[in-house]
PDB file of N, CA and C in Angstrom:
ATOM      1  N   MET A   1     -42.567  -9.599  23.225  1.00  0.00           N
ATOM      2  CA  MET A   1     -41.552 -10.415  22.549  1.00  0.00           C
ATOM      3  C   MET A   1     -41.296 -11.630  23.433  1.00  0.00           C
ATOM      4  N   ASP A   2     -41.554 -12.815  22.891  1.00  0.00           N
ATOM      5  CA  ASP A   2     -41.279 -14.028  23.658  1.00  0.00           C
ATOM      6  C   ASP A   2     -39.890 -14.573  23.305  1.00  0.00           C
ATOM      7  N   LYS A   3     -39.473 -15.579  24.029  1.00  0.00           N
ATOM      8  CA  LYS A   3     -38.125 -16.133  23.859  1.00  0.00           C
ATOM      9  C   LYS A   3     -37.917 -16.673  22.445  1.00  0.00           C
ATOM     10  N   ARG A   4     -38.911 -17.353  21.900  1.00  0.00           N
ATOM     11  CA  ARG A   4     -38.787 -17.925  20.564  1.00  0.00           C
ATOM     12  C   ARG A   4     -38.634 -16.830  19.506  1.00  0.00           C
ATOM     13  N   SER A   5     -39.437 -15.802  19.617  1.00  0.00           N
ATOM     14  CA  SER A   5     -39.348 -14.688  18.670  1.00  0.00           C
ATOM     15  C   SER A   5     -38.002 -13.986  18.764  1.00  0.00           C
ATOM     16  N   LEU A   6     -37.520 -13.820  19.985  1.00  0.00           N
ATOM     17  CA  LEU A   6     -36.219 -13.194  20.195  1.00  0.00           C
ATOM     18  C   LEU A   6     -35.106 -14.049  19.598  1.00  0.00           C
ATOM     19  N   ALA A   7     -35.181 -15.344  19.770  1.00  0.00           N
ATOM     20  CA  ALA A   7     -34.176 -16.249  19.203  1.00  0.00           C
ATOM     21  C   ALA A   7     -34.207 -16.197  17.679  1.00  0.00           C
ATOM     22  N   GLN A   8     -35.395 -16.135  17.096  1.00  0.00           N
ATOM     23  CA  GLN A   8     -35.513 -16.037  15.643  1.00  0.00           C
ATOM     24  C   GLN A   8     -34.907 -14.731  15.134  1.00  0.00           C
ATOM     25  N   MET A   9     -35.172 -13.640  15.839  1.00  0.00           N
ATOM     26  CA  MET A   9     -34.618 -12.344  15.449  1.00  0.00           C
ATOM     27  C   MET A   9     -33.098 -12.367  15.557  1.00  0.00           C
ATOM     28  N   ALA A  10     -32.572 -12.964  16.610  1.00  0.00           N
ATOM     29  CA  ALA A  10     -31.123 -13.057  16.784  1.00  0.00           C
ATOM     30  C   ALA A  10     -30.504 -13.895  15.666  1.00  0.00           C
ATOM     31  N   GLN A  11     -31.166 -14.963  15.275  1.00  0.00           N
ATOM     32  CA  GLN A  11     -30.659 -15.796  14.179  1.00  0.00           C
ATOM     33  C   GLN A  11     -30.678 -15.031  12.864  1.00  0.00           C
ATOM     34  N   ARG A  12     -31.736 -14.295  12.611  1.00  0.00           N
ATOM     35  CA  ARG A  12     -31.805 -13.470  11.394  1.00  0.00           C
ATOM     36  C   ARG A  12     -30.669 -12.460  11.370  1.00  0.00           C
ATOM     37  N   PHE A  13     -30.371 -11.882  12.525  1.00  0.00           N
ATOM     38  CA  PHE A  13     -29.275 -10.925  12.621  1.00  0.00           C
ATOM     39  C   PHE A  13     -27.939 -11.602  12.319  1.00  0.00           C
ATOM     40  N   ARG A  14     -27.700 -12.769  12.890  1.00  0.00           N
ATOM     41  CA  ARG A  14     -26.447 -13.501  12.625  1.00  0.00           C
ATOM     42  C   ARG A  14     -26.334 -13.874  11.148  1.00  0.00           C
ATOM     43  N   ASP A  15     -27.444 -14.274  10.550  1.00  0.00           N
ATOM     44  CA  ASP A  15     -27.451 -14.595   9.117  1.00  0.00           C
ATOM     45  C   ASP A  15     -27.104 -13.362   8.282  1.00  0.00           C
ATOM     46  N   ALA A  16     -27.672 -12.217   8.647  1.00  0.00           N
ATOM     47  CA  ALA A  16     -27.390 -10.974   7.928  1.00  0.00           C
ATOM     48  C   ALA A  16     -25.926 -10.573   8.087  1.00  0.00           C
ATOM     49  N   GLU A  17     -25.373 -10.770   9.269  1.00  0.00           N
ATOM     50  CA  GLU A  17     -23.951 -10.479   9.479  1.00  0.00           C
ATOM     51  C   GLU A  17     -23.080 -11.341   8.567  1.00  0.00           C
ATOM     52  N   GLN A  18     -23.425 -12.598   8.452  1.00  0.00           N
ATOM     53  CA  GLN A  18     -22.663 -13.509   7.605  1.00  0.00           C
ATOM     54  C   GLN A  18     -22.767 -13.103   6.133  1.00  0.00           C
ATOM     55  N   ARG A  19     -23.960 -12.748   5.676  1.00  0.00           N
ATOM     56  CA  ARG A  19     -24.134 -12.293   4.297  1.00  0.00           C
ATOM     57  C   ARG A  19     -23.358 -10.997   4.058  1.00  0.00           C
ATOM     58  N   ALA A  20     -23.380 -10.105   5.042  1.00  0.00           N
ATOM     59  CA  ALA A  20     -22.653  -8.837   4.911  1.00  0.00           C
ATOM     60  C   ALA A  20     -21.152  -9.085   4.800  1.00  0.00           C
ATOM     61  N   GLU A  21     -20.636 -10.034   5.540  1.00  0.00           N
ATOM     62  CA  GLU A  21     -19.204 -10.350   5.475  1.00  0.00           C
ATOM     63  C   GLU A  21     -18.838 -10.896   4.093  1.00  0.00           C
ATOM     64  N   ILE A  22     -19.674 -11.756   3.556  1.00  0.00           N
ATOM     65  CA  ILE A  22     -19.426 -12.297   2.218  1.00  0.00           C
ATOM     66  C   ILE A  22     -19.441 -11.176   1.187  1.00  0.00           C
ATOM     67  N   LEU A  23     -20.417 -10.291   1.282  1.00  0.00           N
ATOM     68  CA  LEU A  23     -20.502  -9.171   0.346  1.00  0.00           C
ATOM     69  C   LEU A  23     -19.320  -8.217   0.511  1.00  0.00           C
ATOM     70  N   ARG A  24     -18.866  -8.009   1.737  1.00  0.00           N
ATOM     71  CA  ARG A  24     -17.707  -7.155   1.976  1.00  0.00           C
ATOM     72  C   ARG A  24     -16.484  -7.711   1.271  1.00  0.00           C
ATOM     73  N   GLN A  25     -16.304  -9.027   1.356  1.00  0.00           N
ATOM     74  CA  GLN A  25     -15.174  -9.667   0.692  1.00  0.00           C
ATOM     75  C   GLN A  25     -15.303  -9.576  -0.827  1.00  0.00           C
ATOM     76  N   GLU A  26     -16.513  -9.758  -1.340  1.00  0.00           N
ATOM     77  CA  GLU A  26     -16.732  -9.651  -2.787  1.00  0.00           C
ATOM     78  C   GLU A  26     -16.469  -8.235  -3.281  1.00  0.00           C
ATOM     79  N   LEU A  27     -16.869  -7.246  -2.493  1.00  0.00           N
ATOM     80  CA  LEU A  27     -16.621  -5.860  -2.870  1.00  0.00           C
ATOM     81  C   LEU A  27     -15.121  -5.572  -2.873  1.00  0.00           C
ATOM     82  N   ALA A  28     -14.395  -6.110  -1.911  1.00  0.00           N
ATOM     83  CA  ALA A  28     -12.943  -5.911  -1.873  1.00  0.00           C
ATOM     84  C   ALA A  28     -12.295  -6.494  -3.128  1.00  0.00           C
ATOM     85  N   VAL A  29     -12.737  -7.663  -3.547  1.00  0.00           N
ATOM     86  CA  VAL A  29     -12.210  -8.277  -4.772  1.00  0.00           C
ATOM     87  C   VAL A  29     -12.531  -7.383  -5.970  1.00  0.00           C
ATOM     88  N   ALA A  30     -13.744  -6.850  -6.016  1.00  0.00           N
ATOM     89  CA  ALA A  30     -14.139  -5.977  -7.122  1.00  0.00           C
ATOM     90  C   ALA A  30     -13.314  -4.693  -7.136  1.00  0.00           C
ATOM     91  N   ILE A  31     -13.030  -4.144  -5.972  1.00  0.00           N
ATOM     92  CA  ILE A  31     -12.204  -2.937  -5.889  1.00  0.00           C
ATOM     93  C   ILE A  31     -10.802  -3.231  -6.390  1.00  0.00           C
ATOM     94  N   ARG A  32     -10.243  -4.361  -5.983  1.00  0.00           N
ATOM     95  CA  ARG A  32      -8.898  -4.725  -6.451  1.00  0.00           C
ATOM     96  C   ARG A  32      -8.882  -4.920  -7.963  1.00  0.00           C
ATOM     97  N   GLN A  33      -9.934  -5.534  -8.495  1.00  0.00           N
ATOM     98  CA  GLN A  33     -10.001  -5.741  -9.944  1.00  0.00           C
ATOM     99  C   GLN A  33     -10.131  -4.411 -10.668  1.00  0.00           C
ATOM    100  N   ALA A  34     -10.930  -3.509 -10.138  1.00  0.00           N
ATOM    101  CA  ALA A  34     -11.070  -2.185 -10.746  1.00  0.00           C
ATOM    102  C   ALA A  34      -9.723  -1.469 -10.762  1.00  0.00           C
ATOM    103  N   ASP A  35      -8.957  -1.614  -9.677  1.00  0.00           N
ATOM    104  CA  ASP A  35      -7.627  -1.013  -9.619  1.00  0.00           C
ATOM    105  C   ASP A  35      -6.726  -1.604 -10.701  1.00  0.00           C
ATOM    106  N   VAL A  36      -6.736  -2.920 -10.841  1.00  0.00           N
ATOM    107  CA  VAL A  36      -5.930  -3.593 -11.873  1.00  0.00           C
ATOM    108  C   VAL A  36      -6.368  -3.142 -13.269  1.00  0.00           C
ATOM    109  N   ASP A  37      -7.672  -2.951 -13.440  1.00  0.00           N
ATOM    110  CA  ASP A  37      -8.213  -2.551 -14.741  1.00  0.00           C
ATOM    111  C   ASP A  37      -7.972  -1.075 -15.051  1.00  0.00           C
ATOM    112  N   GLY A  38      -7.381  -0.357 -14.105  1.00  0.00           N
ATOM    113  CA  GLY A  38      -7.043   1.035 -14.349  1.00  0.00           C
ATOM    114  C   GLY A  38      -8.129   2.043 -14.020  1.00  0.00           C
ATOM    115  N   VAL A  39      -9.142   1.627 -13.279  1.00  0.00           N
ATOM    116  CA  VAL A  39     -10.176   2.576 -12.862  1.00  0.00           C
ATOM    117  C   VAL A  39      -9.533   3.558 -11.879  1.00  0.00           C
ATOM    118  N   ALA A  40      -9.771   4.835 -12.082  1.00  0.00           N
ATOM    119  CA  ALA A  40      -9.181   5.851 -11.211  1.00  0.00           C
ATOM    120  C   ALA A  40      -9.676   5.684  -9.778  1.00  0.00           C
ATOM    121  N   GLN A  41      -8.754   5.897  -8.837  1.00  0.00           N
ATOM    122  CA  GLN A  41      -9.111   5.763  -7.429  1.00  0.00           C
ATOM    123  C   GLN A  41     -10.291   6.668  -7.071  1.00  0.00           C
ATOM    124  N   LYS A  42     -10.325   7.853  -7.648  1.00  0.00           N
ATOM    125  CA  LYS A  42     -11.425   8.793  -7.427  1.00  0.00           C
ATOM    126  C   LYS A  42     -12.759   8.146  -7.824  1.00  0.00           C
ATOM    127  N   ASP A  43     -12.770   7.446  -8.950  1.00  0.00           N
ATOM    128  CA  ASP A  43     -13.994   6.798  -9.423  1.00  0.00           C
ATOM    129  C   ASP A  43     -14.387   5.623  -8.534  1.00  0.00           C
ATOM    130  N   ILE A  44     -13.392   4.881  -8.049  1.00  0.00           N
ATOM    131  CA  ILE A  44     -13.679   3.780  -7.121  1.00  0.00           C
ATOM    132  C   ILE A  44     -14.317   4.344  -5.855  1.00  0.00           C
ATOM    133  N   CYS A  45     -13.770   5.448  -5.361  1.00  0.00           N
ATOM    134  CA  CYS A  45     -14.314   6.084  -4.155  1.00  0.00           C
ATOM    135  C   CYS A  45     -15.747   6.548  -4.372  1.00  0.00           C
ATOM    136  N   GLU A  46     -16.001   7.163  -5.507  1.00  0.00           N
ATOM    137  CA  GLU A  46     -17.352   7.638  -5.805  1.00  0.00           C
ATOM    138  C   GLU A  46     -18.341   6.482  -5.910  1.00  0.00           C
ATOM    139  N   ALA A  47     -17.910   5.391  -6.521  1.00  0.00           N
ATOM    140  CA  ALA A  47     -18.808   4.245  -6.722  1.00  0.00           C
ATOM    141  C   ALA A  47     -19.111   3.511  -5.419  1.00  0.00           C
ATOM    142  N   THR A  48     -18.119   3.458  -4.525  1.00  0.00           N
ATOM    143  CA  THR A  48     -18.279   2.662  -3.307  1.00  0.00           C
ATOM    144  C   THR A  48     -18.655   3.472  -2.072  1.00  0.00           C
ATOM    145  N   GLY A  49     -18.338   4.764  -2.105  1.00  0.00           N
ATOM    146  CA  GLY A  49     -18.555   5.571  -0.909  1.00  0.00           C
ATOM    147  C   GLY A  49     -17.409   5.461   0.081  1.00  0.00           C
ATOM    148  N   TYR A  50     -16.368   4.729  -0.298  1.00  0.00           N
ATOM    149  CA  TYR A  50     -15.194   4.581   0.559  1.00  0.00           C
ATOM    150  C   TYR A  50     -14.260   5.771   0.371  1.00  0.00           C
ATOM    151  N   THR A  51     -13.447   6.025   1.379  1.00  0.00           N
ATOM    152  CA  THR A  51     -12.439   7.070   1.271  1.00  0.00           C
ATOM    153  C   THR A  51     -11.253   6.539   0.474  1.00  0.00           C
ATOM    154  N   ARG A  52     -10.386   7.453   0.026  1.00  0.00           N
ATOM    155  CA  ARG A  52      -9.182   7.032  -0.687  1.00  0.00           C
ATOM    156  C   ARG A  52      -8.320   6.130   0.194  1.00  0.00           C
ATOM    157  N   GLN A  53      -8.248   6.457   1.473  1.00  0.00           N
ATOM    158  CA  GLN A  53      -7.446   5.642   2.394  1.00  0.00           C
ATOM    159  C   GLN A  53      -8.016   4.227   2.495  1.00  0.00           C
ATOM    160  N   GLN A  54      -9.323   4.088   2.573  1.00  0.00           N
ATOM    161  CA  GLN A  54      -9.930   2.762   2.637  1.00  0.00           C
ATOM    162  C   GLN A  54      -9.632   1.972   1.367  1.00  0.00           C
ATOM    163  N   VAL A  55      -9.741   2.634   0.225  1.00  0.00           N
ATOM    164  CA  VAL A  55      -9.462   1.963  -1.041  1.00  0.00           C
ATOM    165  C   VAL A  55      -8.002   1.532  -1.090  1.00  0.00           C
ATOM    166  N   ARG A  56      -7.084   2.406  -0.678  1.00  0.00           N
ATOM    167  CA  ARG A  56      -5.657   2.044  -0.662  1.00  0.00           C
ATOM    168  C   ARG A  56      -5.408   0.824   0.220  1.00  0.00           C
ATOM    169  N   ARG A  57      -6.027   0.802   1.382  1.00  0.00           N
ATOM    170  CA  ARG A  57      -5.841  -0.343   2.295  1.00  0.00           C
ATOM    171  C   ARG A  57      -6.338  -1.641   1.669  1.00  0.00           C
ATOM    172  N   ILE A  58      -7.478  -1.577   1.014  1.00  0.00           N
ATOM    173  CA  ILE A  58      -8.034  -2.774   0.377  1.00  0.00           C
ATOM    174  C   ILE A  58      -7.120  -3.252  -0.744  1.00  0.00           C
ATOM    175  N   VAL A  59      -6.649  -2.327  -1.568  1.00  0.00           N
ATOM    176  CA  VAL A  59      -5.764  -2.689  -2.682  1.00  0.00           C
ATOM    177  C   VAL A  59      -4.449  -3.250  -2.143  1.00  0.00           C
ATOM    178  N   LEU A  60      -3.875  -2.577  -1.147  1.00  0.00           N
ATOM    179  CA  LEU A  60      -2.604  -3.047  -0.586  1.00  0.00           C
ATOM    180  C   LEU A  60      -2.762  -4.400   0.116  1.00  0.00           C
ATOM    181  N   ALA A  61      -3.881  -4.625   0.763  1.00  0.00           N
ATOM    182  CA  ALA A  61      -4.114  -5.918   1.409  1.00  0.00           C
ATOM    183  C   ALA A  61      -4.164  -7.021   0.373  1.00  0.00           C
ATOM    184  N   GLY A  62      -4.739  -6.741  -0.783  1.00  0.00           N
ATOM    185  CA  GLY A  62      -4.763  -7.720  -1.869  1.00  0.00           C
ATOM    186  C   GLY A  62      -3.383  -8.009  -2.394  1.00  0.00           C
ATOM    187  N   GLU A  63      -2.547  -6.980  -2.465  1.00  0.00           N
ATOM    188  CA  GLU A  63      -1.173  -7.174  -2.940  1.00  0.00           C
ATOM    189  C   GLU A  63      -0.382  -8.016  -1.963  1.00  0.00           C
ATOM    190  N   SER A  64      -0.578  -7.812  -0.668  1.00  0.00           N
ATOM    191  CA  SER A  64       0.155  -8.613   0.311  1.00  0.00           C
ATOM    192  C   SER A  64      -0.328 -10.050   0.319  1.00  0.00           C
ATOM    193  N   GLU A  65      -1.620 -10.281   0.020  1.00  0.00           N
ATOM    194  CA  GLU A  65      -2.146 -11.653  -0.087  1.00  0.00           C
ATOM    195  C   GLU A  65      -1.518 -12.358  -1.281  1.00  0.00           C
ATOM    196  N   THR A  66      -1.375 -11.630  -2.379  1.00  0.00           N
ATOM    197  CA  THR A  66      -0.781 -12.207  -3.591  1.00  0.00           C
ATOM    198  C   THR A  66       0.667 -12.595  -3.343  1.00  0.00           C
ATOM    199  N   VAL A  67       1.408 -11.751  -2.649  1.00  0.00           N
ATOM    200  CA  VAL A  67       2.810 -12.045  -2.332  1.00  0.00           C
ATOM    201  C   VAL A  67       2.894 -13.256  -1.419  1.00  0.00           C
ATOM    202  N   ALA A  68       1.994 -13.348  -0.440  1.00  0.00           N
ATOM    203  CA  ALA A  68       2.000 -14.473   0.497  1.00  0.00           C
ATOM    204  C   ALA A  68       1.695 -15.792  -0.211  1.00  0.00           C
ATOM    205  N   GLU A  69       0.875 -15.747  -1.260  1.00  0.00           N
ATOM    206  CA  GLU A  69       0.518 -16.961  -1.985  1.00  0.00           C
ATOM    207  C   GLU A  69       1.648 -17.449  -2.870  1.00  0.00           C
ATOM    208  N   SER A  70       2.558 -16.562  -3.263  1.00  0.00           N
ATOM    209  CA  SER A  70       3.635 -16.925  -4.183  1.00  0.00           C
ATOM    210  C   SER A  70       4.674 -17.802  -3.542  1.00  0.00           C
TER     211      SER A  70
END
């Protein structure tokens, strides 16, 4: 592995991290929308692989963002 190859691999990793962060945010929005649409928390957990606690935190974080925007 030479320096150039290592730098390219590191850049690919940083790019993947950035894409993952964007997707994480999009998934959080989708979870909040599913909650608003009345999808059962159990079903959200099954679809995402998240625990009920994780889903609650995501939904509650969205509610606090909405209050802050008002």
